[in-house]
Amino acid sequence: MSTSKPRILVTRGIFQSVIDRLSEHFDVESNPEDVLWDRDELLRRLQDKVGVFSTGTERIDAALLAQCPDLRICANMTVGYNNFDLSAMSAAGVLGTNAPDVLTETTADFGFALLLATARRVTESEHFLRAGQWTRWSYDMFSGAEVHGTTLGIIGMGRIGQAIARRAAFGFGMQVVYHNRSRLDAATEAACKASYVSKQALLQSADHVMLVVPYSAASHHTMGAAELSVMKPTATLINLARGGIVDDAALAKALRERTIAAAGLDVFEGEPRVHPDLLTVPNVVLTPHIASATPGTRQAMADLAVDNLIGYLVQGKAVTPLNPEVLSRA
């Protein structure tokens, strides 16, 4: 059926309200069954589309763009965008957008949930109970690590890192140290009660290390065997950032050998696959990339992607452009 509306693709299952809003402006091809399309299927469905609503898992690179000449914008509903080759997109005149800010507080909440579950051995003790192994109390049963009053080291001090720092300092009386690509201004440091230190000093001093750094080639395996060996043997590691920030094989080995006490992971290299060695160690909490998973936050993320699609394709401007140089050529 022909239509004068621009054609867009929604790659995964999403709120009906999103489809309804998009349909006011576009001819929408959606995926209500939430089928995981392979590369060839994605390419087939992107033909003659000017925009795509993506979820952060669909790789947009030079090879794909060469076969999708009509494509003008790729709007991620996630804050992460390592599925985008931004250089290739800019060269092709394709705008990329993401969804920052709207998930900051919810993700910071989950960071603390993961920290507490890891430090206090919640998952490990629940498995013990469910297996029927709890027959009596003992004074040292599943004795975990303190959280209040300890030192939290945050690697990556963007919006989410700062929100975690505020929770740590003002809610749990923790001393917060951080390492970042660039130091924060004095007012922001004071608002977070956080002190800037080198990465080495952070790893050596922190009782709990939280990773909130964006993924890039430069941040790949920010935490590997060498870094894990510097941490305290009583320390915990929390990865709230992206898979690939941690060398998962090295982490599994460190957990098994008790180089560090425990880890909590919401993201993994090659997810949804999880390194098999991580599934065999008891001192790790594993969650399936759900840090932003509340209805309100996921709705806000999706709505921002919609705002970007409508803003750019209808009004000629985007809300959160990742490669704004494309706007000047539009």
Protein backbone atom coordinates (compact mmCIF):
# COMPACT_ATOMS: atom_id res chain seq x y z
CA MET A 1 0.00 0.00 0.00
CA SER A 2 1.58 3.28 -1.06
CA THR A 3 1.87 6.21 1.31
CA SER A 4 3.38 9.67 1.23
CA LYS A 5 4.72 9.31 4.73
CA PRO A 6 8.44 8.63 5.26
CA ARG A 7 9.12 4.99 6.08
CA ILE A 8 10.84 3.95 9.32
CA LEU A 9 11.70 0.65 10.99
CA VAL A 10 11.25 -0.27 14.66
CA THR A 11 13.62 -3.17 15.21
CA ARG A 12 12.25 -4.71 18.41
CA GLY A 13 9.05 -5.06 20.36
CA ILE A 14 8.18 -1.81 22.14
CA PHE A 15 5.31 0.03 23.86
CA GLN A 16 2.23 0.45 21.68
CA SER A 17 2.22 4.15 22.55
CA VAL A 18 5.55 4.44 20.74
CA ILE A 19 4.14 2.87 17.58
CA ASP A 20 1.07 5.10 17.83
CA ARG A 21 3.16 8.30 18.11
CA LEU A 22 5.43 7.32 15.25
CA SER A 23 2.47 6.36 13.07
CA GLU A 24 1.17 9.93 13.21
CA HIS A 25 4.17 10.99 11.13
CA PHE A 26 5.59 7.89 9.47
CA ASP A 27 4.78 4.67 7.69
CA VAL A 28 6.00 2.34 10.44
CA GLU A 29 7.23 -1.22 10.02
CA SER A 30 7.40 -2.69 13.52
CA ASN A 31 8.34 -5.96 15.15
CA PRO A 32 5.53 -6.77 17.61
CA GLU A 33 6.68 -10.40 17.94
CA ASP A 34 10.11 -9.08 19.07
CA VAL A 35 11.94 -11.39 16.67
CA LEU A 36 15.73 -11.18 16.77
CA TRP A 37 16.61 -10.44 13.14
CA ASP A 38 19.97 -11.49 11.79
CA ARG A 39 22.11 -9.08 9.77
CA ASP A 40 20.63 -10.07 6.41
CA GLU A 41 17.08 -9.69 7.66
CA LEU A 42 17.85 -6.30 9.17
CA LEU A 43 19.34 -5.17 5.87
CA ARG A 44 16.30 -6.40 3.96
CA ARG A 45 13.91 -4.55 6.22
CA LEU A 46 15.96 -1.33 6.15
CA GLN A 47 15.59 -0.98 2.40
CA ASP A 48 13.72 2.25 1.55
CA LYS A 49 13.63 3.30 5.24
CA VAL A 50 14.72 6.81 6.18
CA GLY A 51 14.87 6.15 9.92
CA VAL A 52 15.32 3.32 12.39
CA PHE A 53 14.28 3.03 16.03
CA SER A 54 16.98 0.80 17.52
CA THR A 55 17.67 -0.73 20.90
CA GLY A 56 21.46 -0.68 21.02
CA THR A 57 21.99 -4.19 19.65
CA GLU A 58 21.69 -3.51 15.91
CA ARG A 59 25.11 -2.80 14.40
CA ILE A 60 25.12 0.24 12.12
CA ASP A 61 28.38 0.37 10.19
CA ALA A 62 29.81 1.30 6.81
CA ALA A 63 28.89 -1.99 5.16
CA LEU A 64 25.25 -1.68 6.21
CA LEU A 65 25.03 2.00 5.31
CA ALA A 66 26.37 1.32 1.81
CA GLN A 67 23.32 -0.86 1.21
CA CYS A 68 20.81 1.52 2.80
CA PRO A 69 21.16 4.76 0.83
CA ASP A 70 17.83 6.20 2.00
CA LEU A 71 18.71 5.99 5.70
CA ARG A 72 18.99 9.37 7.43
CA ILE A 73 18.76 8.69 11.17
CA CYS A 74 19.34 5.84 13.63
CA ALA A 75 17.75 6.56 17.01
CA ASN A 76 18.87 4.36 19.91
CA MET A 77 16.54 4.12 22.88
CA THR A 78 19.61 3.40 25.02
CA VAL A 79 22.22 5.75 26.40
CA GLY A 80 24.97 3.49 25.05
CA TYR A 81 25.75 3.62 21.36
CA ASN A 82 28.68 1.28 20.76
CA ASN A 83 26.48 -0.36 18.12
CA PHE A 84 27.04 2.77 16.01
CA ASP A 85 30.11 3.40 13.87
CA LEU A 86 29.72 7.14 14.18
CA SER A 87 32.55 7.95 11.77
CA ALA A 88 30.92 5.84 9.08
CA MET A 89 27.52 7.33 9.86
CA SER A 90 28.85 10.88 9.59
CA ALA A 91 30.57 10.07 6.31
CA ALA A 92 27.25 8.74 4.99
CA GLY A 93 25.31 11.72 6.32
CA VAL A 94 23.33 9.58 8.76
CA LEU A 95 22.51 11.03 12.17
CA GLY A 96 22.86 8.95 15.33
CA THR A 97 21.00 9.73 18.54
CA ASN A 98 20.81 8.16 21.98
CA ALA A 99 18.79 8.52 25.19
CA PRO A 100 20.89 10.09 27.97
CA ASP A 101 19.66 11.62 31.24
CA VAL A 102 16.28 9.86 31.43
CA LEU A 103 17.77 6.68 32.95
CA THR A 104 20.34 8.26 35.28
CA GLU A 105 18.60 7.93 38.63
CA THR A 106 17.06 4.51 37.97
CA THR A 107 20.41 3.12 36.84
CA ALA A 108 22.13 4.59 39.89
CA ASP A 109 19.52 2.90 42.11
CA PHE A 110 20.30 -0.40 40.47
CA GLY A 111 24.02 0.17 40.86
CA PHE A 112 23.49 0.29 44.59
CA ALA A 113 21.19 -2.71 44.51
CA LEU A 114 23.92 -4.67 42.75
CA LEU A 115 26.58 -3.40 45.13
CA LEU A 116 24.55 -4.37 48.19
CA ALA A 117 23.64 -7.79 46.78
CA THR A 118 27.28 -8.46 45.96
CA ALA A 119 28.82 -7.19 49.18
CA ARG A 120 26.26 -8.93 51.40
CA ARG A 121 26.26 -12.18 49.37
CA VAL A 122 22.53 -12.05 48.71
CA THR A 123 22.48 -14.28 45.61
CA GLU A 124 24.89 -16.82 47.07
CA SER A 125 22.86 -17.14 50.27
CA GLU A 126 19.56 -17.37 48.40
CA HIS A 127 20.88 -20.28 46.32
CA PHE A 128 21.98 -21.95 49.56
CA LEU A 129 18.52 -21.53 51.07
CA ARG A 130 16.65 -22.69 47.96
CA ALA A 131 18.81 -25.80 47.80
CA GLY A 132 17.60 -26.78 51.27
CA GLN A 133 21.05 -26.43 52.80
CA TRP A 134 20.01 -24.04 55.59
CA THR A 135 19.57 -26.26 58.63
CA ARG A 136 20.94 -24.05 61.41
CA TRP A 137 22.28 -20.58 62.18
CA SER A 138 25.95 -19.83 62.75
CA TYR A 139 27.72 -16.62 63.66
CA ASP A 140 29.73 -16.41 60.41
CA MET A 141 27.17 -17.77 57.95
CA PHE A 142 27.47 -15.78 54.68
CA SER A 143 29.38 -13.04 56.41
CA GLY A 144 29.82 -10.32 53.81
CA ALA A 145 31.48 -6.95 53.44
CA GLU A 146 30.40 -3.68 55.02
CA VAL A 147 29.08 -1.02 52.69
CA HIS A 148 28.38 1.94 54.98
CA GLY A 149 31.47 3.88 55.99
CA THR A 150 33.72 2.17 53.45
CA THR A 151 35.49 3.56 50.38
CA LEU A 152 33.75 3.46 47.02
CA GLY A 153 35.85 3.92 43.90
CA ILE A 154 33.97 5.00 40.78
CA ILE A 155 35.60 4.69 37.37
CA GLY A 156 33.65 6.89 34.98
CA MET A 157 32.14 10.00 36.57
CA GLY A 158 29.43 11.06 34.16
CA ARG A 159 25.82 11.61 35.14
CA ILE A 160 25.30 8.07 36.44
CA GLY A 161 28.62 8.02 38.27
CA GLN A 162 27.74 11.27 39.99
CA ALA A 163 24.30 9.96 40.99
CA ILE A 164 25.94 6.88 42.50
CA ALA A 165 28.45 9.06 44.33
CA ARG A 166 25.69 11.11 45.92
CA ARG A 167 23.95 7.96 47.14
CA ALA A 168 27.19 6.64 48.53
CA ALA A 169 28.29 9.80 50.31
CA PHE A 170 25.00 11.06 51.65
CA GLY A 171 23.09 7.81 52.07
CA PHE A 172 25.76 5.40 53.22
CA GLY A 173 28.45 7.70 54.63
CA MET A 174 31.02 6.31 52.22
CA GLN A 175 34.24 7.97 51.21
CA VAL A 176 34.03 8.40 47.44
CA VAL A 177 37.05 8.49 45.17
CA TYR A 178 36.81 8.56 41.41
CA HIS A 179 38.85 8.35 38.25
CA ASN A 180 37.68 9.83 34.99
CA ARG A 181 39.10 10.82 31.62
CA SER A 182 38.94 14.41 32.84
CA ARG A 183 38.58 15.77 36.34
CA LEU A 184 35.26 17.29 37.38
CA ASP A 185 35.05 20.94 38.39
CA ALA A 186 35.33 21.74 42.08
CA ALA A 187 31.62 22.49 42.52
CA THR A 188 30.57 19.13 41.07
CA GLU A 189 33.13 17.30 43.19
CA ALA A 190 31.77 19.03 46.27
CA ALA A 191 28.17 18.19 45.34
CA CYS A 192 29.17 14.52 45.11
CA LYS A 193 31.63 14.64 48.04
CA ALA A 194 34.07 12.88 45.70
CA SER A 195 37.84 13.12 45.38
CA TYR A 196 39.79 12.62 42.16
CA VAL A 197 42.59 10.04 42.26
CA SER A 198 44.63 8.05 39.78
CA LYS A 199 43.25 4.74 38.59
CA GLN A 200 46.03 2.90 40.42
CA ALA A 201 45.30 4.69 43.69
CA LEU A 202 41.59 4.00 43.32
CA LEU A 203 42.09 0.28 42.79
CA GLN A 204 44.47 0.05 45.72
CA SER A 205 42.29 1.95 48.20
CA ALA A 206 38.67 1.15 47.33
CA ASP A 207 36.64 -1.42 49.22
CA HIS A 208 34.16 -1.44 46.35
CA VAL A 209 34.90 -0.51 42.72
CA MET A 210 32.03 0.59 40.47
CA LEU A 211 32.48 0.80 36.69
CA VAL A 212 30.32 3.36 34.91
CA VAL A 213 32.60 4.25 32.00
CA PRO A 214 31.28 4.31 28.41
CA TYR A 215 32.56 1.58 26.13
CA SER A 216 35.07 2.47 23.43
CA ALA A 217 38.21 0.96 21.98
CA ALA A 218 40.15 2.94 24.58
CA SER A 219 38.11 1.54 27.50
CA HIS A 220 38.14 -2.08 26.30
CA HIS A 221 39.24 -4.31 29.21
CA THR A 222 39.66 -1.35 31.54
CA MET A 223 39.60 -4.08 34.18
CA GLY A 224 41.83 -7.01 33.28
CA ALA A 225 44.06 -9.39 35.21
CA ALA A 226 46.62 -6.67 36.01
CA GLU A 227 44.01 -4.29 37.41
CA LEU A 228 42.23 -7.00 39.39
CA SER A 229 45.53 -7.98 41.01
CA VAL A 230 45.91 -4.44 42.39
CA MET A 231 42.55 -4.50 44.18
CA LYS A 232 42.15 -5.51 47.81
CA PRO A 233 41.43 -9.22 48.27
CA THR A 234 38.38 -8.15 50.31
CA ALA A 235 37.09 -5.79 47.61
CA THR A 236 34.09 -6.12 45.29
CA LEU A 237 33.80 -5.10 41.66
CA ILE A 238 30.55 -3.88 40.08
CA ASN A 239 30.18 -3.50 36.31
CA LEU A 240 27.21 -1.31 35.46
CA ALA A 241 28.75 0.05 32.27
CA ARG A 242 29.08 -2.13 29.17
CA GLY A 243 30.32 -5.56 28.30
CA GLY A 244 33.96 -5.41 27.25
CA ILE A 245 34.92 -2.95 29.98
CA VAL A 246 35.87 -6.02 32.05
CA ASP A 247 37.87 -8.98 30.82
CA ASP A 248 35.27 -11.55 31.90
CA ALA A 249 37.65 -14.51 31.64
CA ALA A 250 40.21 -12.77 33.85
CA LEU A 251 37.48 -11.80 36.31
CA ALA A 252 36.21 -15.38 36.60
CA LYS A 253 39.75 -16.53 37.36
CA ALA A 254 40.21 -13.77 39.96
CA LEU A 255 36.93 -14.72 41.64
CA ARG A 256 37.81 -18.41 41.70
CA GLU A 257 41.24 -17.70 43.15
CA ARG A 258 39.82 -15.08 45.56
CA THR A 259 42.05 -12.35 44.18
CA ILE A 260 39.00 -10.21 44.94
CA ALA A 261 36.08 -11.15 47.17
CA ALA A 262 33.13 -10.83 44.81
CA ALA A 263 31.68 -9.16 41.74
CA GLY A 264 28.31 -7.96 40.52
CA LEU A 265 27.72 -7.79 36.76
CA ASP A 266 24.80 -6.42 34.78
CA VAL A 267 26.67 -6.44 31.46
CA PHE A 268 28.88 -8.96 29.69
CA GLU A 269 31.21 -9.39 26.74
CA GLY A 270 29.24 -10.82 23.84
CA GLU A 271 25.93 -10.61 25.67
CA PRO A 272 23.43 -12.22 25.85
CA ARG A 273 26.11 -14.91 25.99
CA VAL A 274 27.87 -15.07 29.36
CA HIS A 275 31.38 -16.41 29.75
CA PRO A 276 30.85 -19.98 31.01
CA ASP A 277 33.46 -19.61 33.74
CA LEU A 278 31.38 -16.89 35.38
CA LEU A 279 28.54 -19.37 35.76
CA THR A 280 30.68 -21.72 37.82
CA VAL A 281 31.90 -19.34 40.55
CA PRO A 282 29.62 -18.69 43.53
CA ASN A 283 30.90 -15.23 44.46
CA VAL A 284 29.34 -13.30 41.60
CA VAL A 285 25.90 -11.72 41.17
CA LEU A 286 24.69 -11.86 37.57
CA THR A 287 21.79 -9.88 36.12
CA PRO A 288 20.70 -9.65 32.44
CA HIS A 289 21.38 -5.98 31.61
CA ILE A 290 18.41 -4.62 33.56
CA ALA A 291 19.82 -1.52 35.28
CA SER A 292 17.28 0.77 33.60
CA ALA A 293 14.41 -1.72 33.72
CA THR A 294 11.48 0.08 35.27
CA PRO A 295 8.36 0.82 33.21
CA GLY A 296 8.67 4.56 33.63
CA THR A 297 12.32 4.72 32.69
CA ARG A 298 12.05 2.40 29.69
CA GLN A 299 9.05 4.45 28.49
CA ALA A 300 11.08 7.65 28.84
CA MET A 301 13.97 6.11 26.92
CA ALA A 302 11.67 5.03 24.10
CA ASP A 303 9.92 8.40 24.05
CA LEU A 304 13.24 10.19 23.65
CA ALA A 305 14.10 8.02 20.64
CA VAL A 306 10.71 8.93 19.17
CA ASP A 307 11.37 12.62 19.87
CA ASN A 308 14.63 12.33 17.96
CA LEU A 309 13.03 10.65 14.97
CA ILE A 310 10.18 13.14 14.77
CA GLY A 311 12.44 16.07 15.57
CA TYR A 312 14.93 15.29 12.83
CA LEU A 313 12.78 13.88 10.06
CA VAL A 314 9.83 16.26 10.53
CA GLN A 315 11.29 19.38 12.11
CA GLY A 316 14.91 19.22 10.95
CA LYS A 317 16.46 19.09 14.41
CA ALA A 318 17.26 16.35 16.93
CA VAL A 319 17.14 16.38 20.72
CA THR A 320 20.27 14.35 21.52
CA PRO A 321 22.48 14.12 18.43
CA LEU A 322 25.69 12.08 18.70
CA ASN A 323 27.28 13.38 15.48
CA PRO A 324 25.82 16.90 15.18
CA GLU A 325 28.04 17.68 12.21
CA VAL A 326 25.43 15.83 10.15
CA LEU A 327 22.82 18.45 11.09
CA SER A 328 24.76 21.20 9.40
CA ARG A 329 24.71 19.24 6.15
CA ALA A 330 21.02 18.31 6.29
